[in-house]
Amino acid sequence: MPASILLVEDEPAIQELLAFNITQSGFRPIQALNATSAMEHIKKELPDLILLDWMLPETSGVELAKRLRADPRTRDIPIIMLTARTDERDKITGLESGADDYITKPFSPRELMARIRAVLRRRSPQMSEEVTTIGGLEISPATHRINTVNGGKVINLGPTEFRLLHFFMTHPERVYSRTQLLDHVWGDHVFVEERTVDVHIRRLRQALEPFNMDHLVQTVRGNGYRFSNTQAPD
């Protein structure tokens, strides 16, 4: 069965154009004109990916993305934000709301399909099924769970943060630049900007902070990031 893509776009002409291109590319479109309609579809069927317009009536795409990320049932669904906003601050806002990618209008169907395929590939990453334990954390790719070793508390992460943490935990102590992290975690998703790494690092730290483990993801000034259970030098 082809992957299903929920289109949340309030302009009918754009909605139909997106649906046509998605169908032509072998995916199955599900169409919604607003957040309410989108949630009704999601209750019936979880899509494989959501194309979400920023400017929606009543509830914005940013608010809907936050709502989806806060719900355990929908937090792992990849989201690509569609918007006419080109300011870097808007891109950061879109990513911090929970979007996995961000594409500005106007965009070519070819570029959009490339982004969709890349995000779907990241949703089912080829990673070791082996459980890894380090720094008081235990990560299991098979069950997609992260637990604290002491106390067994579950840490909830989005799909991109999960991949990022898994890479860090299986490659501890080494420093990786933003470009290297893009290559290893995002793969050949060439459209992602380096600044995107900073956003996901921030989200990962925020998820670890309540467990006093955010210090494990360390910034190495001028070089990048590393995962370490030792205190970072000043």
C-alpha atoms as a PDB file:
ATOM      1  CA  MET A   1       0.000   0.000   0.000  1.00  0.00           C
ATOM      2  CA  PRO A   2       1.470   3.406  -0.916  1.00  0.00           C
ATOM      3  CA  ALA A   3       2.483   5.798   1.853  1.00  0.00           C
ATOM      4  CA  SER A   4      -0.323   8.148   2.858  1.00  0.00           C
ATOM      5  CA  ILE A   5       0.283  11.896   3.003  1.00  0.00           C
ATOM      6  CA  LEU A   6      -2.129  14.198   4.815  1.00  0.00           C
ATOM      7  CA  LEU A   7      -2.358  17.576   3.040  1.00  0.00           C
ATOM      8  CA  VAL A   8      -3.465  20.343   5.395  1.00  0.00           C
ATOM      9  CA  GLU A   9      -3.885  23.343   3.083  1.00  0.00           C
ATOM     10  CA  ASP A  10      -6.804  25.791   3.025  1.00  0.00           C
ATOM     11  CA  GLU A  11      -6.396  26.987  -0.569  1.00  0.00           C
ATOM     12  CA  PRO A  12      -8.315  24.523  -2.806  1.00  0.00           C
ATOM     13  CA  ALA A  13      -6.188  25.216  -5.903  1.00  0.00           C
ATOM     14  CA  ILE A  14      -2.938  24.494  -4.053  1.00  0.00           C
ATOM     15  CA  GLN A  15      -4.577  21.518  -2.340  1.00  0.00           C
ATOM     16  CA  GLU A  16      -5.520  19.969  -5.683  1.00  0.00           C
ATOM     17  CA  LEU A  17      -2.110  20.652  -7.200  1.00  0.00           C
ATOM     18  CA  LEU A  18      -0.385  18.994  -4.239  1.00  0.00           C
ATOM     19  CA  ALA A  19      -2.738  16.021  -4.394  1.00  0.00           C
ATOM     20  CA  PHE A  20      -2.090  15.581  -8.118  1.00  0.00           C
ATOM     21  CA  ASN A  21       1.707  15.625  -7.745  1.00  0.00           C
ATOM     22  CA  ILE A  22       1.615  13.322  -4.740  1.00  0.00           C
ATOM     23  CA  THR A  23      -0.551  10.820  -6.620  1.00  0.00           C
ATOM     24  CA  GLN A  24       1.736  11.006  -9.664  1.00  0.00           C
ATOM     25  CA  SER A  25       4.695  10.206  -7.398  1.00  0.00           C
ATOM     26  CA  GLY A  26       3.065   7.034  -6.116  1.00  0.00           C
ATOM     27  CA  PHE A  27       1.785   8.303  -2.749  1.00  0.00           C
ATOM     28  CA  ARG A  28      -1.792   8.424  -1.461  1.00  0.00           C
ATOM     29  CA  PRO A  29      -3.075  11.926  -0.625  1.00  0.00           C
ATOM     30  CA  ILE A  30      -5.541  12.635   2.180  1.00  0.00           C
ATOM     31  CA  GLN A  31      -6.967  16.150   1.948  1.00  0.00           C
ATOM     32  CA  ALA A  32      -7.925  18.519   4.766  1.00  0.00           C
ATOM     33  CA  LEU A  33      -8.692  22.241   4.531  1.00  0.00           C
ATOM     34  CA  ASN A  34      -8.186  23.074   8.214  1.00  0.00           C
ATOM     35  CA  ALA A  35      -6.942  21.734  11.537  1.00  0.00           C
ATOM     36  CA  THR A  36     -10.335  20.355  12.567  1.00  0.00           C
ATOM     37  CA  SER A  37     -10.654  18.327   9.376  1.00  0.00           C
ATOM     38  CA  ALA A  38      -7.048  17.160   9.725  1.00  0.00           C
ATOM     39  CA  MET A  39      -7.659  15.860  13.256  1.00  0.00           C
ATOM     40  CA  GLU A  40     -10.782  14.022  12.092  1.00  0.00           C
ATOM     41  CA  HIS A  41      -8.719  12.211   9.445  1.00  0.00           C
ATOM     42  CA  ILE A  42      -5.963  11.448  11.966  1.00  0.00           C
ATOM     43  CA  LYS A  43      -8.472   9.896  14.388  1.00  0.00           C
ATOM     44  CA  LYS A  44      -9.524   7.483  11.636  1.00  0.00           C
ATOM     45  CA  GLU A  45      -6.077   6.798  10.191  1.00  0.00           C
ATOM     46  CA  LEU A  46      -2.526   7.839  11.043  1.00  0.00           C
ATOM     47  CA  PRO A  47      -0.836   9.176   7.900  1.00  0.00           C
ATOM     48  CA  ASP A  48       2.768   8.377   7.067  1.00  0.00           C
ATOM     49  CA  LEU A  49       3.572  12.088   6.665  1.00  0.00           C
ATOM     50  CA  ILE A  50       1.817  15.443   7.056  1.00  0.00           C
ATOM     51  CA  LEU A  51       2.233  18.419   4.712  1.00  0.00           C
ATOM     52  CA  LEU A  52       1.110  21.290   6.908  1.00  0.00           C
ATOM     53  CA  ASP A  53       0.509  24.864   5.798  1.00  0.00           C
ATOM     54  CA  TRP A  54       1.536  27.538   8.310  1.00  0.00           C
ATOM     55  CA  MET A  55      -1.429  29.843   7.577  1.00  0.00           C
ATOM     56  CA  LEU A  56      -4.626  27.989   8.386  1.00  0.00           C
ATOM     57  CA  PRO A  57      -7.997  29.373   9.514  1.00  0.00           C
ATOM     58  CA  GLU A  58      -8.797  29.207  13.235  1.00  0.00           C
ATOM     59  CA  THR A  59      -5.750  27.127  14.272  1.00  0.00           C
ATOM     60  CA  SER A  60      -2.370  27.851  12.675  1.00  0.00           C
ATOM     61  CA  GLY A  61      -0.105  25.145  11.320  1.00  0.00           C
ATOM     62  CA  VAL A  62       2.422  25.935  14.048  1.00  0.00           C
ATOM     63  CA  GLU A  63      -0.171  25.358  16.783  1.00  0.00           C
ATOM     64  CA  LEU A  64      -1.370  22.160  15.126  1.00  0.00           C
ATOM     65  CA  ALA A  65       2.220  20.876  14.885  1.00  0.00           C
ATOM     66  CA  LYS A  66       2.728  21.513  18.605  1.00  0.00           C
ATOM     67  CA  ARG A  67      -0.509  19.689  19.371  1.00  0.00           C
ATOM     68  CA  LEU A  68       0.528  16.685  17.274  1.00  0.00           C
ATOM     69  CA  ARG A  69       3.954  16.535  18.916  1.00  0.00           C
ATOM     70  CA  ALA A  70       2.396  16.640  22.394  1.00  0.00           C
ATOM     71  CA  ASP A  71       0.167  13.614  21.681  1.00  0.00           C
ATOM     72  CA  PRO A  72       1.885  10.189  22.102  1.00  0.00           C
ATOM     73  CA  ARG A  73      -0.238   8.795  19.262  1.00  0.00           C
ATOM     74  CA  THR A  74       0.911  11.369  16.696  1.00  0.00           C
ATOM     75  CA  ARG A  75       4.274  12.626  17.914  1.00  0.00           C
ATOM     76  CA  ASP A  76       6.265  10.338  15.589  1.00  0.00           C
ATOM     77  CA  ILE A  77       4.469  11.381  12.384  1.00  0.00           C
ATOM     78  CA  PRO A  78       6.888  13.372  10.173  1.00  0.00           C
ATOM     79  CA  ILE A  79       5.748  16.924   9.420  1.00  0.00           C
ATOM     80  CA  ILE A  80       6.830  19.187   6.559  1.00  0.00           C
ATOM     81  CA  MET A  81       5.766  22.808   7.052  1.00  0.00           C
ATOM     82  CA  LEU A  82       4.615  24.764   3.983  1.00  0.00           C
ATOM     83  CA  THR A  83       4.758  28.544   4.158  1.00  0.00           C
ATOM     84  CA  ALA A  84       5.348  31.772   2.279  1.00  0.00           C
ATOM     85  CA  ARG A  85       7.434  33.059   5.204  1.00  0.00           C
ATOM     86  CA  THR A  86      11.112  33.258   4.281  1.00  0.00           C
ATOM     87  CA  ASP A  87      12.590  34.971   7.343  1.00  0.00           C
ATOM     88  CA  GLU A  88      15.093  32.804   9.218  1.00  0.00           C
ATOM     89  CA  ARG A  89      13.262  33.419  12.512  1.00  0.00           C
ATOM     90  CA  ASP A  90      10.096  31.999  10.972  1.00  0.00           C
ATOM     91  CA  LYS A  91      11.982  28.912   9.831  1.00  0.00           C
ATOM     92  CA  ILE A  92      13.285  28.397  13.357  1.00  0.00           C
ATOM     93  CA  THR A  93       9.756  28.861  14.745  1.00  0.00           C
ATOM     94  CA  GLY A  94       8.420  26.255  12.318  1.00  0.00           C
ATOM     95  CA  LEU A  95      11.121  23.745  13.220  1.00  0.00           C
ATOM     96  CA  GLU A  96      10.781  24.362  16.933  1.00  0.00           C
ATOM     97  CA  SER A  97       7.037  23.727  16.708  1.00  0.00           C
ATOM     98  CA  GLY A  98       7.888  20.152  15.799  1.00  0.00           C
ATOM     99  CA  ALA A  99       8.272  20.197  12.019  1.00  0.00           C
ATOM    100  CA  ASP A 100      10.913  17.889  10.546  1.00  0.00           C
ATOM    101  CA  ASP A 101      11.397  20.083   7.500  1.00  0.00           C
ATOM    102  CA  TYR A 102      10.345  23.487   6.170  1.00  0.00           C
ATOM    103  CA  ILE A 103       9.736  24.506   2.575  1.00  0.00           C
ATOM    104  CA  THR A 104       8.892  28.013   1.365  1.00  0.00           C
ATOM    105  CA  LYS A 105       6.421  28.889  -1.380  1.00  0.00           C
ATOM    106  CA  PRO A 106       6.708  28.912  -4.293  1.00  0.00           C
ATOM    107  CA  PHE A 107       8.399  25.525  -4.615  1.00  0.00           C
ATOM    108  CA  SER A 108       8.729  23.078  -7.478  1.00  0.00           C
ATOM    109  CA  PRO A 109       6.911  19.731  -7.368  1.00  0.00           C
ATOM    110  CA  ARG A 110      10.273  18.038  -7.894  1.00  0.00           C
ATOM    111  CA  GLU A 111      11.766  19.669  -4.816  1.00  0.00           C
ATOM    112  CA  LEU A 112       8.717  18.849  -2.691  1.00  0.00           C
ATOM    113  CA  MET A 113       8.747  15.190  -3.732  1.00  0.00           C
ATOM    114  CA  ALA A 114      12.470  14.966  -2.978  1.00  0.00           C
ATOM    115  CA  ARG A 115      11.859  16.322   0.513  1.00  0.00           C
ATOM    116  CA  ILE A 116       8.939  13.952   1.095  1.00  0.00           C
ATOM    117  CA  ARG A 117      10.982  10.912   0.063  1.00  0.00           C
ATOM    118  CA  ALA A 118      13.917  12.000   2.196  1.00  0.00           C
ATOM    119  CA  VAL A 119      11.781  12.547   5.307  1.00  0.00           C
ATOM    120  CA  LEU A 120      10.041   9.185   4.816  1.00  0.00           C
ATOM    121  CA  ARG A 121      13.435   7.491   4.526  1.00  0.00           C
ATOM    122  CA  ARG A 122      14.456   9.058   7.822  1.00  0.00           C
ATOM    123  CA  ARG A 123      11.254   7.785   9.432  1.00  0.00           C
ATOM    124  CA  SER A 124      12.430   4.185   8.910  1.00  0.00           C
ATOM    125  CA  PRO A 125      16.165   4.532   9.458  1.00  0.00           C
ATOM    126  CA  GLN A 126      18.533   1.650   8.913  1.00  0.00           C
ATOM    127  CA  MET A 127      20.080   1.444  12.359  1.00  0.00           C
ATOM    128  CA  SER A 128      21.291  -1.317  14.603  1.00  0.00           C
ATOM    129  CA  GLU A 129      18.576  -2.976  16.690  1.00  0.00           C
ATOM    130  CA  GLU A 130      21.038  -3.337  19.561  1.00  0.00           C
ATOM    131  CA  VAL A 131      20.201  -1.611  22.844  1.00  0.00           C
ATOM    132  CA  THR A 132      22.827   1.000  23.791  1.00  0.00           C
ATOM    133  CA  THR A 133      23.416   2.244  27.335  1.00  0.00           C
ATOM    134  CA  ILE A 134      25.606   5.225  28.186  1.00  0.00           C
ATOM    135  CA  GLY A 135      25.498   8.242  30.474  1.00  0.00           C
ATOM    136  CA  GLY A 136      22.513   6.929  32.423  1.00  0.00           C
ATOM    137  CA  LEU A 137      20.440   6.513  29.245  1.00  0.00           C
ATOM    138  CA  GLU A 138      19.270   3.358  27.491  1.00  0.00           C
ATOM    139  CA  ILE A 139      18.105   3.577  23.889  1.00  0.00           C
ATOM    140  CA  SER A 140      16.360   0.779  22.003  1.00  0.00           C
ATOM    141  CA  PRO A 141      15.830   1.254  18.234  1.00  0.00           C
ATOM    142  CA  ALA A 142      13.668  -1.887  18.087  1.00  0.00           C
ATOM    143  CA  THR A 143      11.070  -0.451  20.483  1.00  0.00           C
ATOM    144  CA  HIS A 144      11.862   3.215  19.751  1.00  0.00           C
ATOM    145  CA  ARG A 145      12.183   3.887  23.486  1.00  0.00           C
ATOM    146  CA  ILE A 146      14.639   5.825  25.627  1.00  0.00           C
ATOM    147  CA  ASN A 147      14.733   5.050  29.339  1.00  0.00           C
ATOM    148  CA  THR A 148      16.754   6.361  32.253  1.00  0.00           C
ATOM    149  CA  VAL A 149      18.881   3.561  33.710  1.00  0.00           C
ATOM    150  CA  ASN A 150      18.167   4.659  37.276  1.00  0.00           C
ATOM    151  CA  GLY A 151      14.429   4.749  37.812  1.00  0.00           C
ATOM    152  CA  GLY A 152      13.423   3.497  34.389  1.00  0.00           C
ATOM    153  CA  LYS A 153      11.686   6.715  33.361  1.00  0.00           C
ATOM    154  CA  VAL A 154      10.690   7.021  29.699  1.00  0.00           C
ATOM    155  CA  ILE A 155      11.996   9.997  27.712  1.00  0.00           C
ATOM    156  CA  ASN A 156       9.821  10.984  24.773  1.00  0.00           C
ATOM    157  CA  LEU A 157      11.528  12.218  21.607  1.00  0.00           C
ATOM    158  CA  GLY A 158      10.422  13.056  18.099  1.00  0.00           C
ATOM    159  CA  PRO A 159      11.807  10.931  15.228  1.00  0.00           C
ATOM    160  CA  THR A 160      14.634  13.294  14.291  1.00  0.00           C
ATOM    161  CA  GLU A 161      15.752  13.782  17.909  1.00  0.00           C
ATOM    162  CA  PHE A 162      15.651   9.993  18.374  1.00  0.00           C
ATOM    163  CA  ARG A 163      17.968   9.464  15.402  1.00  0.00           C
ATOM    164  CA  LEU A 164      20.249  12.229  16.621  1.00  0.00           C
ATOM    165  CA  LEU A 165      20.479  10.781  20.128  1.00  0.00           C
ATOM    166  CA  HIS A 166      21.028   7.268  18.784  1.00  0.00           C
ATOM    167  CA  PHE A 167      23.898   8.488  16.626  1.00  0.00           C
ATOM    168  CA  PHE A 168      25.445  10.365  19.556  1.00  0.00           C
ATOM    169  CA  MET A 169      25.114   7.410  21.922  1.00  0.00           C
ATOM    170  CA  THR A 170      26.691   5.009  19.428  1.00  0.00           C
ATOM    171  CA  HIS A 171      29.505   7.490  18.699  1.00  0.00           C
ATOM    172  CA  PRO A 172      30.346   9.024  22.095  1.00  0.00           C
ATOM    173  CA  GLU A 173      33.199  11.421  22.872  1.00  0.00           C
ATOM    174  CA  ARG A 174      33.837  12.331  19.225  1.00  0.00           C
ATOM    175  CA  VAL A 175      33.187  15.875  18.010  1.00  0.00           C
ATOM    176  CA  TYR A 176      30.951  16.210  14.950  1.00  0.00           C
ATOM    177  CA  SER A 177      30.424  19.349  12.905  1.00  0.00           C
ATOM    178  CA  ARG A 178      26.951  20.364  11.772  1.00  0.00           C
ATOM    179  CA  THR A 179      27.780  19.173   8.260  1.00  0.00           C
ATOM    180  CA  GLN A 180      28.886  15.778   9.554  1.00  0.00           C
ATOM    181  CA  LEU A 181      25.727  15.423  11.628  1.00  0.00           C
ATOM    182  CA  LEU A 182      23.628  16.275   8.570  1.00  0.00           C
ATOM    183  CA  ASP A 183      25.428  13.550   6.609  1.00  0.00           C
ATOM    184  CA  HIS A 184      25.075  10.905   9.329  1.00  0.00           C
ATOM    185  CA  VAL A 185      21.613  11.699  10.726  1.00  0.00           C
ATOM    186  CA  TRP A 186      19.790  13.345   7.812  1.00  0.00           C
ATOM    187  CA  GLY A 187      21.579  11.353   5.117  1.00  0.00           C
ATOM    188  CA  ASP A 188      21.254  12.648   1.567  1.00  0.00           C
ATOM    189  CA  HIS A 189      18.535  15.164   2.471  1.00  0.00           C
ATOM    190  CA  VAL A 190      20.496  17.911   0.748  1.00  0.00           C
ATOM    191  CA  PHE A 191      17.894  20.628   1.325  1.00  0.00           C
ATOM    192  CA  VAL A 192      18.377  20.803   5.105  1.00  0.00           C
ATOM    193  CA  GLU A 193      20.311  23.851   6.286  1.00  0.00           C
ATOM    194  CA  GLU A 194      23.062  23.598   8.905  1.00  0.00           C
ATOM    195  CA  ARG A 195      21.041  25.791  11.275  1.00  0.00           C
ATOM    196  CA  THR A 196      18.478  22.993  11.427  1.00  0.00           C
ATOM    197  CA  VAL A 197      20.973  20.939  13.441  1.00  0.00           C
ATOM    198  CA  ASP A 198      21.034  23.619  16.153  1.00  0.00           C
ATOM    199  CA  VAL A 199      17.236  23.536  16.431  1.00  0.00           C
ATOM    200  CA  HIS A 200      17.144  19.760  16.897  1.00  0.00           C
ATOM    201  CA  ILE A 201      20.055  19.869  19.349  1.00  0.00           C
ATOM    202  CA  ARG A 202      18.061  22.406  21.388  1.00  0.00           C
ATOM    203  CA  ARG A 203      14.962  20.211  21.288  1.00  0.00           C
ATOM    204  CA  LEU A 204      17.001  17.168  22.339  1.00  0.00           C
ATOM    205  CA  ARG A 205      18.478  19.035  25.284  1.00  0.00           C
ATOM    206  CA  GLN A 206      15.045  20.296  26.326  1.00  0.00           C
ATOM    207  CA  ALA A 207      13.777  16.708  26.403  1.00  0.00           C
ATOM    208  CA  LEU A 208      16.760  15.572  28.499  1.00  0.00           C
ATOM    209  CA  GLU A 209      16.738  18.555  30.866  1.00  0.00           C
ATOM    210  CA  PRO A 210      13.951  17.311  33.225  1.00  0.00           C
ATOM    211  CA  PHE A 211      16.125  14.248  33.880  1.00  0.00           C
ATOM    212  CA  ASN A 212      19.297  16.343  34.435  1.00  0.00           C
ATOM    213  CA  MET A 213      20.907  14.784  31.379  1.00  0.00           C
ATOM    214  CA  ASP A 214      21.039  17.725  28.985  1.00  0.00           C
ATOM    215  CA  HIS A 215      24.748  18.169  29.855  1.00  0.00           C
ATOM    216  CA  LEU A 216      25.494  14.959  27.919  1.00  0.00           C
ATOM    217  CA  VAL A 217      25.025  16.834  24.615  1.00  0.00           C
ATOM    218  CA  GLN A 218      27.912  19.274  24.632  1.00  0.00           C
ATOM    219  CA  THR A 219      28.773  22.207  22.388  1.00  0.00           C
ATOM    220  CA  VAL A 220      32.384  22.401  21.257  1.00  0.00           C
ATOM    221  CA  ARG A 221      32.859  25.997  20.205  1.00  0.00           C
ATOM    222  CA  GLY A 222      34.013  26.421  16.637  1.00  0.00           C
ATOM    223  CA  ASN A 223      33.752  22.693  15.934  1.00  0.00           C
ATOM    224  CA  GLY A 224      30.293  21.293  16.588  1.00  0.00           C
ATOM    225  CA  TYR A 225      28.778  18.902  19.117  1.00  0.00           C
ATOM    226  CA  ARG A 226      29.650  15.751  21.024  1.00  0.00           C
ATOM    227  CA  PHE A 227      27.965  13.318  23.385  1.00  0.00           C
ATOM    228  CA  SER A 228      30.017  12.787  26.525  1.00  0.00           C
ATOM    229  CA  ASN A 229      29.479  11.552  30.069  1.00  0.00           C
ATOM    230  CA  THR A 230      32.413  13.621  31.259  1.00  0.00           C
ATOM    231  CA  GLN A 231      32.286  17.284  32.199  1.00  0.00           C
ATOM    232  CA  ALA A 232      32.963  19.569  29.256  1.00  0.00           C
ATOM    233  CA  PRO A 233      35.962  21.891  29.730  1.00  0.00           C
ATOM    234  CA  ASP A 234      35.231  25.588  30.217  1.00  0.00           C
END
